[in-house]
Amino acid sequence: MSAVCVARLKKELQKLKKDPNQYFDTVPLKQDIKTWHFVLKGPSNTDYANGFYHGVLKFPADYPYKPPSIMLFTPNGRFQINAKICLSNSDFHPESWSPFWSVNNILTGFVSFMTEESKGLGSMNASPYHRKLFAQQSLQFNCKNPQFKKLFPEYVRLHQLRLERGQTTDDNIAPIHVEQATTQSNNVYTRDRMFDYLMIALVVMLLAYVWKELM
């Protein structure tokens, strides 16, 4: 690990402590400053409102000259979990990376990208219902993760407070599994692809007809 990488990450950490971002919290591992865990806060007026999404940024030894990888652990319906996510400022696209970008830029952009419907490697297309349900269940899900509980005790206290107030997942709504939403996402993706192929076939037939008439 280069001294430049360590110095840069320490500087960014101090800046975030001094001026926190309202959309996320971050905690680097004490034993490895190149691994930053984070919690994204779902923006209001979106399917992710009141959701808390645990993930990790892993920085290369030559950061900030090369981009980090990014991954989510909390089911969300927008991105696959436990898998790298393709972003323009992640290690999937080193050609578009700028050393001037920071943790603040990366995660702020990630929150914005999460509310869009752009497709990419690691993305999903679950229904708004499932996304809202994932958001509702997110804190409960996170608090089953020992590492999350250790790194983000303030969210554990929030979950306990909600339990005391009876603000738990609606008992009338059955909890869903990641596989269920993933299957639905794959079905939607398959239908989209079939529609694309159908449109291409129609265009080809139309062009063939026009060509025949011209000849």
C-alpha atoms as a PDB file:
ATOM      1  CA  MET A   1       0.000   0.000   0.000  1.00  0.00           C
ATOM      2  CA  SER A   2       1.449   3.354  -1.026  1.00  0.00           C
ATOM      3  CA  ALA A   3       1.891   6.263   1.355  1.00  0.00           C
ATOM      4  CA  VAL A   4      -0.111   8.388  -1.089  1.00  0.00           C
ATOM      5  CA  CYS A   5      -3.088   6.023  -0.806  1.00  0.00           C
ATOM      6  CA  VAL A   6      -3.042   6.021   3.002  1.00  0.00           C
ATOM      7  CA  ALA A   7      -2.631   9.783   3.246  1.00  0.00           C
ATOM      8  CA  ARG A   8      -5.449  10.413   0.787  1.00  0.00           C
ATOM      9  CA  LEU A   9      -7.898   8.074   2.537  1.00  0.00           C
ATOM     10  CA  LYS A  10      -7.075   9.518   5.964  1.00  0.00           C
ATOM     11  CA  LYS A  11      -7.643  13.008   4.600  1.00  0.00           C
ATOM     12  CA  GLU A  12     -11.012  12.012   3.125  1.00  0.00           C
ATOM     13  CA  LEU A  13     -12.032  10.356   6.384  1.00  0.00           C
ATOM     14  CA  GLN A  14     -11.256  13.484   8.379  1.00  0.00           C
ATOM     15  CA  LYS A  15     -13.178  15.612   5.897  1.00  0.00           C
ATOM     16  CA  LEU A  16     -16.260  13.382   6.143  1.00  0.00           C
ATOM     17  CA  LYS A  17     -16.093  13.439   9.940  1.00  0.00           C
ATOM     18  CA  LYS A  18     -15.956  17.222   9.874  1.00  0.00           C
ATOM     19  CA  ASP A  19     -18.649  17.597   7.220  1.00  0.00           C
ATOM     20  CA  PRO A  20     -20.857  14.443   7.113  1.00  0.00           C
ATOM     21  CA  ASN A  21     -22.960  13.651   4.073  1.00  0.00           C
ATOM     22  CA  GLN A  22     -26.694  13.379   4.738  1.00  0.00           C
ATOM     23  CA  TYR A  23     -27.092  10.450   2.342  1.00  0.00           C
ATOM     24  CA  PHE A  24     -24.580   8.010   3.817  1.00  0.00           C
ATOM     25  CA  ASP A  25     -22.298   7.049   6.705  1.00  0.00           C
ATOM     26  CA  THR A  26     -18.893   5.430   6.305  1.00  0.00           C
ATOM     27  CA  VAL A  27     -16.542   3.436   8.535  1.00  0.00           C
ATOM     28  CA  PRO A  28     -13.121   2.212   7.345  1.00  0.00           C
ATOM     29  CA  LEU A  29     -11.840  -1.002   8.894  1.00  0.00           C
ATOM     30  CA  LYS A  30      -9.253  -0.314  11.588  1.00  0.00           C
ATOM     31  CA  GLN A  31      -7.029  -3.103  10.312  1.00  0.00           C
ATOM     32  CA  ASP A  32      -7.366  -2.081   6.656  1.00  0.00           C
ATOM     33  CA  ILE A  33      -8.004   1.536   5.710  1.00  0.00           C
ATOM     34  CA  LYS A  34      -8.512   0.461   2.084  1.00  0.00           C
ATOM     35  CA  THR A  35     -11.825  -1.192   3.033  1.00  0.00           C
ATOM     36  CA  TRP A  36     -14.653   1.238   3.787  1.00  0.00           C
ATOM     37  CA  HIS A  37     -18.059  -0.003   4.875  1.00  0.00           C
ATOM     38  CA  PHE A  38     -20.955   2.349   4.288  1.00  0.00           C
ATOM     39  CA  VAL A  39     -24.685   2.717   4.843  1.00  0.00           C
ATOM     40  CA  LEU A  40     -26.695   4.488   2.158  1.00  0.00           C
ATOM     41  CA  LYS A  41     -29.876   6.211   3.294  1.00  0.00           C
ATOM     42  CA  GLY A  42     -32.718   5.785   0.828  1.00  0.00           C
ATOM     43  CA  PRO A  43     -33.829   9.193  -0.530  1.00  0.00           C
ATOM     44  CA  SER A  44     -37.338  10.335   0.333  1.00  0.00           C
ATOM     45  CA  ASN A  45     -40.023  10.184  -2.358  1.00  0.00           C
ATOM     46  CA  THR A  46     -38.384   7.113  -3.914  1.00  0.00           C
ATOM     47  CA  ASP A  47     -38.920   3.360  -3.647  1.00  0.00           C
ATOM     48  CA  TYR A  48     -35.938   3.308  -1.277  1.00  0.00           C
ATOM     49  CA  ALA A  49     -37.254   5.823   1.260  1.00  0.00           C
ATOM     50  CA  ASN A  50     -36.528   4.816   4.877  1.00  0.00           C
ATOM     51  CA  GLY A  51     -34.171   2.106   3.655  1.00  0.00           C
ATOM     52  CA  PHE A  52     -30.632   1.597   4.959  1.00  0.00           C
ATOM     53  CA  TYR A  53     -28.282  -0.167   2.558  1.00  0.00           C
ATOM     54  CA  HIS A  54     -25.033  -1.668   3.821  1.00  0.00           C
ATOM     55  CA  GLY A  55     -22.161  -1.979   1.376  1.00  0.00           C
ATOM     56  CA  VAL A  56     -18.403  -1.773   0.990  1.00  0.00           C
ATOM     57  CA  LEU A  57     -15.845   0.173  -1.016  1.00  0.00           C
ATOM     58  CA  LYS A  58     -12.506  -1.547  -1.608  1.00  0.00           C
ATOM     59  CA  PHE A  59      -9.692   0.723  -2.709  1.00  0.00           C
ATOM     60  CA  PRO A  60      -6.638  -0.432  -4.665  1.00  0.00           C
ATOM     61  CA  ALA A  61      -3.156   0.172  -3.288  1.00  0.00           C
ATOM     62  CA  ASP A  62      -2.594   2.897  -5.894  1.00  0.00           C
ATOM     63  CA  TYR A  63      -5.737   4.899  -5.078  1.00  0.00           C
ATOM     64  CA  PRO A  64      -6.493   7.714  -5.972  1.00  0.00           C
ATOM     65  CA  TYR A  65      -4.951   6.937  -9.348  1.00  0.00           C
ATOM     66  CA  LYS A  66      -7.199   3.907  -9.787  1.00  0.00           C
ATOM     67  CA  PRO A  67     -10.879   3.508  -8.785  1.00  0.00           C
ATOM     68  CA  PRO A  68     -12.340   1.320  -6.033  1.00  0.00           C
ATOM     69  CA  SER A  69     -14.818  -1.525  -6.336  1.00  0.00           C
ATOM     70  CA  ILE A  70     -18.282  -1.205  -4.827  1.00  0.00           C
ATOM     71  CA  MET A  71     -20.664  -3.828  -3.497  1.00  0.00           C
ATOM     72  CA  LEU A  72     -23.953  -3.956  -1.577  1.00  0.00           C
ATOM     73  CA  PHE A  73     -24.963  -6.518   1.042  1.00  0.00           C
ATOM     74  CA  THR A  74     -28.523  -5.356   1.766  1.00  0.00           C
ATOM     75  CA  PRO A  75     -31.302  -6.579  -0.582  1.00  0.00           C
ATOM     76  CA  ASN A  76     -32.667  -3.570  -2.431  1.00  0.00           C
ATOM     77  CA  GLY A  77     -34.226  -4.607  -5.746  1.00  0.00           C
ATOM     78  CA  ARG A  78     -31.994  -2.279  -7.766  1.00  0.00           C
ATOM     79  CA  PHE A  79     -28.614  -4.013  -7.548  1.00  0.00           C
ATOM     80  CA  GLN A  80     -27.521  -7.568  -6.955  1.00  0.00           C
ATOM     81  CA  ILE A  81     -26.003  -8.197  -3.547  1.00  0.00           C
ATOM     82  CA  ASN A  82     -22.584  -9.643  -2.706  1.00  0.00           C
ATOM     83  CA  ALA A  83     -21.358  -8.862  -6.217  1.00  0.00           C
ATOM     84  CA  LYS A  84     -19.405  -5.983  -7.721  1.00  0.00           C
ATOM     85  CA  ILE A  85     -21.540  -3.252  -9.257  1.00  0.00           C
ATOM     86  CA  CYS A  86     -20.659  -1.586 -12.539  1.00  0.00           C
ATOM     87  CA  LEU A  87     -20.451   2.200 -12.186  1.00  0.00           C
ATOM     88  CA  SER A  88     -18.620   4.791 -14.254  1.00  0.00           C
ATOM     89  CA  ASN A  89     -16.481   5.616 -11.207  1.00  0.00           C
ATOM     90  CA  SER A  90     -15.794   2.025 -10.141  1.00  0.00           C
ATOM     91  CA  ASP A  91     -13.081  -0.444 -11.114  1.00  0.00           C
ATOM     92  CA  PHE A  92     -15.262  -1.564 -14.036  1.00  0.00           C
ATOM     93  CA  HIS A  93     -14.344   1.656 -15.854  1.00  0.00           C
ATOM     94  CA  PRO A  94     -10.788   2.710 -14.983  1.00  0.00           C
ATOM     95  CA  GLU A  95     -10.638   4.649 -18.259  1.00  0.00           C
ATOM     96  CA  SER A  96     -13.218   7.147 -16.985  1.00  0.00           C
ATOM     97  CA  TRP A  97     -11.813   7.473 -13.471  1.00  0.00           C
ATOM     98  CA  SER A  98     -10.418  10.773 -12.204  1.00  0.00           C
ATOM     99  CA  PRO A  99      -8.041  11.091  -9.217  1.00  0.00           C
ATOM    100  CA  PHE A 100     -10.029  14.169  -8.224  1.00  0.00           C
ATOM    101  CA  TRP A 101     -13.022  12.002  -7.303  1.00  0.00           C
ATOM    102  CA  SER A 102     -13.441  11.029  -3.675  1.00  0.00           C
ATOM    103  CA  VAL A 103     -15.490   8.779  -1.398  1.00  0.00           C
ATOM    104  CA  ASN A 104     -17.982  11.608  -1.101  1.00  0.00           C
ATOM    105  CA  ASN A 105     -18.333  11.881  -4.887  1.00  0.00           C
ATOM    106  CA  ILE A 106     -18.548   8.117  -5.378  1.00  0.00           C
ATOM    107  CA  LEU A 107     -21.272   7.457  -2.821  1.00  0.00           C
ATOM    108  CA  THR A 108     -23.270  10.587  -3.635  1.00  0.00           C
ATOM    109  CA  GLY A 109     -23.255   9.513  -7.275  1.00  0.00           C
ATOM    110  CA  PHE A 110     -24.169   5.974  -6.273  1.00  0.00           C
ATOM    111  CA  VAL A 111     -27.257   7.172  -4.389  1.00  0.00           C
ATOM    112  CA  SER A 112     -28.301   9.163  -7.451  1.00  0.00           C
ATOM    113  CA  PHE A 113     -27.661   6.223  -9.794  1.00  0.00           C
ATOM    114  CA  MET A 114     -29.680   3.965  -7.507  1.00  0.00           C
ATOM    115  CA  THR A 115     -32.823   6.016  -8.112  1.00  0.00           C
ATOM    116  CA  GLU A 116     -32.407   5.812 -11.893  1.00  0.00           C
ATOM    117  CA  GLU A 117     -33.335   2.872 -14.107  1.00  0.00           C
ATOM    118  CA  SER A 118     -30.087   2.605 -16.050  1.00  0.00           C
ATOM    119  CA  LYS A 119     -29.049  -0.975 -16.733  1.00  0.00           C
ATOM    120  CA  GLY A 120     -25.590  -2.360 -16.179  1.00  0.00           C
ATOM    121  CA  LEU A 121     -23.658  -5.290 -14.796  1.00  0.00           C
ATOM    122  CA  GLY A 122     -25.000  -6.044 -11.332  1.00  0.00           C
ATOM    123  CA  SER A 123     -28.269  -4.154 -11.794  1.00  0.00           C
ATOM    124  CA  MET A 124     -31.769  -5.539 -11.213  1.00  0.00           C
ATOM    125  CA  ASN A 125     -35.291  -4.491 -12.121  1.00  0.00           C
ATOM    126  CA  ALA A 126     -37.487  -5.542  -9.210  1.00  0.00           C
ATOM    127  CA  SER A 127     -40.965  -4.057  -8.916  1.00  0.00           C
ATOM    128  CA  PRO A 128     -41.616  -0.890  -6.868  1.00  0.00           C
ATOM    129  CA  TYR A 129     -43.529  -3.078  -4.399  1.00  0.00           C
ATOM    130  CA  HIS A 130     -40.507  -5.280  -3.756  1.00  0.00           C
ATOM    131  CA  ARG A 131     -38.143  -2.319  -3.544  1.00  0.00           C
ATOM    132  CA  LYS A 132     -40.331  -0.637  -0.942  1.00  0.00           C
ATOM    133  CA  LEU A 133     -40.603  -3.873   0.985  1.00  0.00           C
ATOM    134  CA  PHE A 134     -36.837  -4.343   0.891  1.00  0.00           C
ATOM    135  CA  ALA A 135     -36.466  -0.790   2.229  1.00  0.00           C
ATOM    136  CA  GLN A 136     -38.901  -1.538   5.029  1.00  0.00           C
ATOM    137  CA  GLN A 137     -37.007  -4.689   5.987  1.00  0.00           C
ATOM    138  CA  SER A 138     -33.483  -3.332   5.413  1.00  0.00           C
ATOM    139  CA  LEU A 139     -32.599  -2.353   8.971  1.00  0.00           C
ATOM    140  CA  GLN A 140     -33.851  -5.645  10.349  1.00  0.00           C
ATOM    141  CA  PHE A 141     -31.812  -7.492   7.716  1.00  0.00           C
ATOM    142  CA  ASN A 142     -28.651  -5.488   8.437  1.00  0.00           C
ATOM    143  CA  CYS A 143     -28.858  -6.060  12.169  1.00  0.00           C
ATOM    144  CA  LYS A 144     -28.487  -9.801  11.598  1.00  0.00           C
ATOM    145  CA  ASN A 145     -24.989  -9.129  10.237  1.00  0.00           C
ATOM    146  CA  PRO A 146     -22.365  -9.219  13.053  1.00  0.00           C
ATOM    147  CA  GLN A 147     -19.992  -6.940  11.156  1.00  0.00           C
ATOM    148  CA  PHE A 148     -22.726  -4.377  10.548  1.00  0.00           C
ATOM    149  CA  LYS A 149     -23.631  -4.419  14.246  1.00  0.00           C
ATOM    150  CA  LYS A 150     -20.002  -3.851  15.182  1.00  0.00           C
ATOM    151  CA  LEU A 151     -19.361  -1.043  12.698  1.00  0.00           C
ATOM    152  CA  PHE A 152     -22.687   0.791  12.926  1.00  0.00           C
ATOM    153  CA  PRO A 153     -23.990   0.562  16.518  1.00  0.00           C
ATOM    154  CA  GLU A 154     -26.092   3.706  16.014  1.00  0.00           C
ATOM    155  CA  TYR A 155     -28.239   1.843  13.475  1.00  0.00           C
ATOM    156  CA  VAL A 156     -28.578  -1.101  15.834  1.00  0.00           C
ATOM    157  CA  ARG A 157     -29.899   1.299  18.479  1.00  0.00           C
ATOM    158  CA  LEU A 158     -32.307   2.754  15.917  1.00  0.00           C
ATOM    159  CA  HIS A 159     -33.587  -0.728  15.123  1.00  0.00           C
ATOM    160  CA  GLN A 160     -34.033  -1.510  18.823  1.00  0.00           C
ATOM    161  CA  LEU A 161     -35.893   1.762  19.308  1.00  0.00           C
ATOM    162  CA  ARG A 162     -38.219   0.909  16.439  1.00  0.00           C
ATOM    163  CA  LEU A 163     -38.882  -2.499  17.942  1.00  0.00           C
ATOM    164  CA  GLU A 164     -39.753  -0.902  21.270  1.00  0.00           C
ATOM    165  CA  ARG A 165     -42.160   1.450  19.520  1.00  0.00           C
ATOM    166  CA  GLY A 166     -43.684  -1.356  17.505  1.00  0.00           C
ATOM    167  CA  GLN A 167     -42.341   0.032  14.223  1.00  0.00           C
ATOM    168  CA  THR A 168     -41.430  -3.350  12.797  1.00  0.00           C
ATOM    169  CA  THR A 169     -42.150  -4.898   9.426  1.00  0.00           C
ATOM    170  CA  ASP A 170     -45.895  -5.083   8.822  1.00  0.00           C
ATOM    171  CA  ASP A 171     -46.985  -8.546   9.942  1.00  0.00           C
ATOM    172  CA  ASN A 172     -49.591  -8.532   7.186  1.00  0.00           C
ATOM    173  CA  ILE A 173     -46.856  -8.422   4.556  1.00  0.00           C
ATOM    174  CA  ALA A 174     -44.908 -11.641   4.211  1.00  0.00           C
ATOM    175  CA  PRO A 175     -41.127 -11.114   4.137  1.00  0.00           C
ATOM    176  CA  ILE A 176     -39.640 -11.762   0.708  1.00  0.00           C
ATOM    177  CA  HIS A 177     -36.361 -13.335  -0.238  1.00  0.00           C
ATOM    178  CA  VAL A 178     -33.689 -12.039  -2.558  1.00  0.00           C
ATOM    179  CA  GLU A 179     -34.225 -15.023  -4.850  1.00  0.00           C
ATOM    180  CA  GLN A 180     -37.885 -14.098  -5.292  1.00  0.00           C
ATOM    181  CA  ALA A 181     -37.116 -10.554  -6.397  1.00  0.00           C
ATOM    182  CA  THR A 182     -34.212 -11.772  -8.536  1.00  0.00           C
ATOM    183  CA  THR A 183     -36.485 -14.234 -10.334  1.00  0.00           C
ATOM    184  CA  GLN A 184     -38.997 -11.485 -10.970  1.00  0.00           C
ATOM    185  CA  SER A 185     -36.218  -9.217 -12.230  1.00  0.00           C
ATOM    186  CA  ASN A 186     -34.971 -11.913 -14.601  1.00  0.00           C
ATOM    187  CA  ASN A 187     -38.496 -12.455 -15.922  1.00  0.00           C
ATOM    188  CA  VAL A 188     -38.877  -8.742 -16.606  1.00  0.00           C
ATOM    189  CA  TYR A 189     -35.478  -8.658 -18.290  1.00  0.00           C
ATOM    190  CA  THR A 190     -36.433 -11.658 -20.461  1.00  0.00           C
ATOM    191  CA  ARG A 191     -39.681  -9.992 -21.516  1.00  0.00           C
ATOM    192  CA  ASP A 192     -37.768  -6.829 -22.379  1.00  0.00           C
ATOM    193  CA  ARG A 193     -35.333  -8.808 -24.514  1.00  0.00           C
ATOM    194  CA  MET A 194     -38.163 -10.627 -26.299  1.00  0.00           C
ATOM    195  CA  PHE A 195     -39.801  -7.282 -27.051  1.00  0.00           C
ATOM    196  CA  ASP A 196     -36.491  -5.964 -28.422  1.00  0.00           C
ATOM    197  CA  TYR A 197     -36.105  -8.998 -30.688  1.00  0.00           C
ATOM    198  CA  LEU A 198     -39.688  -8.637 -31.904  1.00  0.00           C
ATOM    199  CA  MET A 199     -39.140  -4.980 -32.772  1.00  0.00           C
ATOM    200  CA  ILE A 200     -35.933  -5.830 -34.639  1.00  0.00           C
ATOM    201  CA  ALA A 201     -37.756  -8.532 -36.606  1.00  0.00           C
ATOM    202  CA  LEU A 202     -40.535  -6.092 -37.533  1.00  0.00           C
ATOM    203  CA  VAL A 203     -38.023  -3.487 -38.686  1.00  0.00           C
ATOM    204  CA  VAL A 204     -36.211  -6.073 -40.824  1.00  0.00           C
ATOM    205  CA  MET A 205     -39.508  -7.183 -42.387  1.00  0.00           C
ATOM    206  CA  LEU A 206     -40.456  -3.564 -43.080  1.00  0.00           C
ATOM    207  CA  LEU A 207     -37.110  -2.838 -44.717  1.00  0.00           C
ATOM    208  CA  ALA A 208     -37.410  -5.995 -46.823  1.00  0.00           C
ATOM    209  CA  TYR A 209     -40.888  -4.923 -47.976  1.00  0.00           C
ATOM    210  CA  VAL A 210     -39.710  -1.408 -48.860  1.00  0.00           C
ATOM    211  CA  TRP A 211     -36.721  -2.812 -50.744  1.00  0.00           C
ATOM    212  CA  LYS A 212     -38.988  -5.181 -52.675  1.00  0.00           C
ATOM    213  CA  GLU A 213     -41.325  -2.331 -53.654  1.00  0.00           C
ATOM    214  CA  LEU A 214     -38.415  -0.180 -54.808  1.00  0.00           C
ATOM    215  CA  MET A 215     -37.017  -3.003 -56.940  1.00  0.00           C
END
